[in-house]
């Protein structure tokens, strides 16, 4: 979308860290290997070769104070209505951009939306994502992705069986006959988003989305894409950190 060189671009790292998590209370500031999750992602964003401003969007003054300790800018608190578990992430990004433009006259060229709940992501992952966006002049965005552990065609759900109970069917076709295991090798390899999105600001304003239509990608290993939604996820992240540390000392 632009021919500017990276050194002249305003590249905003925007980290979402709302309070009120139900699966893991206060998970965005929960300590992992001695650091709060929001502090971990701020530190990684600060080492980026591209990002030249880092803002944390949070509805909590406590979270804001912790983010500031690790070097992030928190110029405002997110409105409560944009910090519920049903609030679309696009809304908090748009609110941040509108606030920055209105109150500071700051208009970034690129927005890098990050979350603290994928604690094993690296600075290299962030920079690789931004690089993918910059490599393609027609790209609207770039996203960090990892291969799915389970193929989505194997997903199942319970529906009304018409006799006062429920029955098990496939998620997409609602067929009981296809509940039996399918050979995943017969389907295209599936991926899921690993919570780093780099997009042009124009992508947001013109398409009302963070990704637009032409989405580039950077693939990372599954073990770096652990997303913390539950205490089990947190335990897995802790064990992976210990495993990686042990590998480094061998």
Protein backbone atom coordinates (compact mmCIF):
# COMPACT_ATOMS: atom_id res chain seq x y z
CA UNK A 1 0.00 0.00 0.00
CA UNK A 2 3.02 2.27 0.21
CA UNK A 3 6.46 2.70 -1.29
CA UNK A 4 7.95 4.20 1.89
CA UNK A 5 11.09 2.67 3.35
CA UNK A 6 10.73 0.98 6.73
CA UNK A 7 12.90 3.61 8.44
CA UNK A 8 10.39 6.35 7.58
CA UNK A 9 7.29 4.39 8.60
CA UNK A 10 5.45 4.90 11.84
CA UNK A 11 4.95 1.34 13.07
CA UNK A 12 2.79 0.99 16.15
CA UNK A 13 2.92 -2.08 18.34
CA UNK A 14 -0.52 -2.30 19.97
CA UNK A 15 -0.89 -4.85 22.75
CA UNK A 16 -4.33 -5.79 24.05
CA UNK A 17 -4.47 -6.64 27.76
CA UNK A 18 -7.97 -6.37 29.19
CA UNK A 19 -8.78 -7.39 32.74
CA UNK A 20 -11.65 -9.67 33.66
CA UNK A 21 -10.45 -12.97 32.22
CA UNK A 22 -12.63 -15.85 33.43
CA UNK A 23 -10.64 -18.93 32.37
CA UNK A 24 -7.47 -17.72 34.09
CA UNK A 25 -8.19 -14.77 36.41
CA UNK A 26 -5.91 -11.78 35.72
CA UNK A 27 -4.09 -13.87 33.12
CA UNK A 28 -2.58 -10.87 31.33
CA UNK A 29 -0.54 -10.04 34.43
CA UNK A 30 -0.09 -13.59 35.72
CA UNK A 31 3.56 -14.42 36.31
CA UNK A 32 5.18 -16.86 33.91
CA UNK A 33 8.82 -17.65 34.60
CA UNK A 34 8.91 -14.66 36.94
CA UNK A 35 7.38 -12.08 34.58
CA UNK A 36 3.79 -10.98 33.99
CA UNK A 37 2.51 -12.02 30.57
CA UNK A 38 2.00 -8.43 29.46
CA UNK A 39 5.58 -7.63 30.48
CA UNK A 40 6.91 -10.52 28.39
CA UNK A 41 5.30 -9.32 25.16
CA UNK A 42 6.28 -5.69 25.81
CA UNK A 43 9.92 -6.73 26.19
CA UNK A 44 9.81 -8.69 22.94
CA UNK A 45 8.14 -5.85 21.06
CA UNK A 46 10.79 -3.41 22.36
CA UNK A 47 13.50 -5.48 20.66
CA UNK A 48 11.77 -5.31 17.27
CA UNK A 49 13.76 -3.90 14.38
CA UNK A 50 10.57 -2.34 12.98
CA UNK A 51 8.25 -1.21 15.77
CA UNK A 52 8.96 2.36 16.92
CA UNK A 53 6.13 2.86 19.39
CA UNK A 54 4.51 0.42 21.83
CA UNK A 55 1.13 1.01 23.44
CA UNK A 56 -0.82 -1.28 25.74
CA UNK A 57 -4.61 -1.03 25.54
CA UNK A 58 -6.11 -2.00 28.89
CA UNK A 59 -9.13 -1.13 31.00
CA UNK A 60 -7.19 -1.56 34.26
CA UNK A 61 -4.96 1.00 35.96
CA UNK A 62 -3.15 -1.87 37.69
CA UNK A 63 -2.40 -3.49 34.33
CA UNK A 64 -1.36 -0.11 32.93
CA UNK A 65 1.14 0.45 35.75
CA UNK A 66 2.70 -2.98 35.17
CA UNK A 67 2.92 -2.39 31.40
CA UNK A 68 4.65 0.95 32.03
CA UNK A 69 7.20 -0.75 34.28
CA UNK A 70 8.28 -2.83 31.28
CA UNK A 71 8.53 0.16 28.96
CA UNK A 72 5.15 0.41 27.24
CA UNK A 73 3.19 3.61 26.73
CA UNK A 74 -0.35 3.61 28.19
CA UNK A 75 -1.76 7.04 27.28
CA UNK A 76 -5.38 6.10 28.02
CA UNK A 77 -7.52 3.41 29.62
CA UNK A 78 -9.78 1.39 27.35
CA UNK A 79 -13.51 2.06 27.83
CA UNK A 80 -15.19 -0.71 29.84
CA UNK A 81 -17.64 -1.50 27.03
CA UNK A 82 -14.69 -2.45 24.81
CA UNK A 83 -13.16 -4.76 27.41
CA UNK A 84 -15.77 -7.49 27.86
CA UNK A 85 -15.23 -11.11 26.84
CA UNK A 86 -17.55 -10.49 23.88
CA UNK A 87 -15.94 -7.27 22.65
CA UNK A 88 -14.55 -7.61 19.09
CA UNK A 89 -10.81 -6.95 19.04
CA UNK A 90 -11.24 -4.68 16.03
CA UNK A 91 -13.16 -2.24 18.24
CA UNK A 92 -10.36 -1.70 20.75
CA UNK A 93 -7.87 -1.20 17.90
CA UNK A 94 -10.11 1.40 16.24
CA UNK A 95 -10.67 3.16 19.58
CA UNK A 96 -6.90 3.35 20.15
CA UNK A 97 -6.24 4.77 16.71
CA UNK A 98 -9.03 7.32 17.04
CA UNK A 99 -7.78 8.42 20.48
CA UNK A 100 -4.20 8.80 19.28
CA UNK A 101 -5.19 10.82 16.24
CA UNK A 102 -7.56 13.08 18.17
CA UNK A 103 -5.39 13.66 21.23
CA UNK A 104 -1.84 13.48 19.83
CA UNK A 105 -2.17 13.86 16.07
CA UNK A 106 -0.38 10.51 15.85
CA UNK A 107 -1.32 8.42 12.80
CA UNK A 108 0.70 5.21 12.34
CA UNK A 109 1.34 3.73 8.92
CA UNK A 110 1.32 0.15 10.22
CA UNK A 111 -0.40 -1.37 13.24
CA UNK A 112 1.05 -4.56 14.76
CA UNK A 113 -1.66 -6.05 16.94
CA UNK A 114 -0.22 -8.34 19.62
CA UNK A 115 -1.57 -10.19 22.65
CA UNK A 116 0.19 -11.21 25.83
CA UNK A 117 -1.55 -14.60 25.94
CA UNK A 118 0.83 -16.26 23.47
CA UNK A 119 3.91 -16.04 25.72
CA UNK A 120 6.32 -18.15 23.67
CA UNK A 121 6.17 -15.92 20.60
CA UNK A 122 9.49 -14.21 19.86
CA UNK A 123 10.76 -10.89 18.59
CA UNK A 124 11.81 -12.76 15.45
CA UNK A 125 8.19 -13.85 14.92
CA UNK A 126 7.02 -10.25 15.23
CA UNK A 127 9.62 -8.95 12.80
CA UNK A 128 9.08 -11.77 10.30
CA UNK A 129 5.38 -10.94 10.21
CA UNK A 130 6.05 -7.25 9.54
CA UNK A 131 8.63 -8.17 6.88
CA UNK A 132 6.05 -10.30 5.06
CA UNK A 133 3.71 -7.32 4.94
CA UNK A 134 6.41 -5.01 3.61
CA UNK A 135 7.59 -7.50 0.96
CA UNK A 136 4.29 -7.50 -0.91
CA UNK A 137 3.15 -4.06 -2.09
CA UNK A 138 -0.37 -5.40 -2.61
CA UNK A 139 -0.70 -7.00 0.83
CA UNK A 140 -3.29 -5.69 3.25
CA UNK A 141 -1.87 -7.55 6.23
CA UNK A 142 0.32 -10.38 7.45
CA UNK A 143 -0.50 -12.87 10.19
CA UNK A 144 1.58 -15.27 12.27
CA UNK A 145 0.10 -18.76 12.03
CA UNK A 146 0.83 -22.29 13.24
CA UNK A 147 -0.40 -25.65 12.04
CA UNK A 148 -3.52 -26.86 13.86
CA UNK A 149 -3.08 -29.83 16.17
CA UNK A 150 -6.48 -31.23 15.16
CA UNK A 151 -7.98 -30.87 11.71
CA UNK A 152 -11.20 -28.81 11.84
CA UNK A 153 -13.07 -31.41 9.77
CA UNK A 154 -12.84 -33.69 12.81
CA UNK A 155 -14.78 -31.27 15.01
CA UNK A 156 -17.99 -32.60 16.56
CA UNK A 157 -21.00 -31.09 18.32
CA UNK A 158 -24.16 -32.11 20.13
CA UNK A 159 -27.56 -31.32 18.64
CA UNK A 160 -31.18 -32.06 19.49
CA UNK A 161 -32.01 -35.66 18.56
CA UNK A 162 -35.74 -34.94 18.22
CA UNK A 163 -36.57 -37.32 21.08
CA UNK A 164 -35.84 -35.14 24.09
CA UNK A 165 -32.14 -35.78 24.12
CA UNK A 166 -29.01 -34.97 22.15
CA UNK A 167 -26.89 -36.75 19.59
CA UNK A 168 -23.34 -36.42 18.31
CA UNK A 169 -22.72 -35.16 14.76
CA UNK A 170 -19.94 -33.55 12.77
CA UNK A 171 -19.60 -29.82 13.31
CA UNK A 172 -19.86 -28.80 9.66
CA UNK A 173 -22.13 -31.37 7.99
CA UNK A 174 -24.18 -32.42 11.04
CA UNK A 175 -23.80 -36.04 9.95
CA UNK A 176 -23.66 -38.89 12.42
CA UNK A 177 -22.16 -41.18 9.80
CA UNK A 178 -19.06 -39.01 9.51
CA UNK A 179 -18.31 -38.97 13.26
CA UNK A 180 -15.91 -41.87 12.60
CA UNK A 181 -12.27 -40.74 12.23
CA UNK A 182 -11.28 -39.22 8.91
CA UNK A 183 -7.87 -39.47 7.28
CA UNK A 184 -6.47 -35.95 7.78
CA UNK A 185 -3.92 -36.52 5.02
CA UNK A 186 -6.73 -36.23 2.46
CA UNK A 187 -7.38 -32.58 3.40
CA UNK A 188 -5.39 -29.40 2.96
CA UNK A 189 -3.18 -28.63 5.95
CA UNK A 190 -5.05 -26.38 8.43
CA UNK A 191 -3.59 -23.43 10.33
CA UNK A 192 -4.76 -21.13 13.10
CA UNK A 193 -3.80 -17.57 13.93
CA UNK A 194 -1.05 -17.25 16.52
CA UNK A 195 -2.05 -13.74 17.63
CA UNK A 196 0.29 -11.39 15.79
CA UNK A 197 -1.29 -9.32 13.03
CA UNK A 198 0.53 -6.61 11.10
CA UNK A 199 -1.63 -4.43 8.87
CA UNK A 200 -1.61 -1.07 7.19
CA UNK A 201 -3.72 1.49 9.00
CA UNK A 202 -5.52 1.98 5.68
CA UNK A 203 -6.57 -1.67 5.80
CA UNK A 204 -8.54 -0.96 8.97
CA UNK A 205 -10.15 2.22 7.69
CA UNK A 206 -10.97 0.89 4.22
CA UNK A 207 -12.04 -2.70 4.98
CA UNK A 208 -13.20 -2.38 8.61
CA UNK A 209 -11.04 -5.36 9.51
CA UNK A 210 -7.54 -6.05 10.73
CA UNK A 211 -6.64 -8.27 7.81
CA UNK A 212 -8.37 -7.02 4.66
CA UNK A 213 -8.40 -9.22 1.58
CA UNK A 214 -4.79 -10.03 0.71
CA UNK A 215 -3.31 -11.65 3.79
CA UNK A 216 0.31 -12.80 3.88
CA UNK A 217 1.65 -15.10 6.58
CA UNK A 218 4.58 -16.28 8.67
CA UNK A 219 4.45 -19.86 9.98
CA UNK A 220 5.82 -20.71 13.43
CA UNK A 221 6.10 -24.10 15.19
CA UNK A 222 3.13 -25.27 17.26
CA UNK A 223 5.13 -25.08 20.48
CA UNK A 224 5.57 -21.30 20.09
CA UNK A 225 1.88 -20.79 19.43
CA UNK A 226 0.45 -21.94 22.78
CA UNK A 227 -2.46 -19.58 23.54
CA UNK A 228 -3.41 -19.34 27.20
CA UNK A 229 -7.14 -19.75 27.71
CA UNK A 230 -7.10 -22.14 30.65
CA UNK A 231 -4.90 -23.26 33.59
CA UNK A 232 -3.83 -26.25 31.48
CA UNK A 233 -2.51 -23.92 28.77
CA UNK A 234 -0.56 -22.03 31.41
CA UNK A 235 0.94 -25.26 32.72
CA UNK A 236 1.95 -26.28 29.18
CA UNK A 237 3.65 -22.91 28.64
CA UNK A 238 5.59 -23.32 31.90
CA UNK A 239 6.76 -26.78 30.92
CA UNK A 240 7.80 -25.65 27.44
CA UNK A 241 9.87 -22.81 28.86
CA UNK A 242 11.67 -25.29 31.13
CA UNK A 243 12.17 -27.66 28.20
CA UNK A 244 13.64 -24.95 25.94
CA UNK A 245 15.93 -23.79 28.75
CA UNK A 246 17.17 -27.35 29.33
CA UNK A 247 17.86 -27.73 25.59
CA UNK A 248 19.93 -24.54 25.57
CA UNK A 249 22.15 -25.79 28.40
CA UNK A 250 22.89 -29.15 26.79
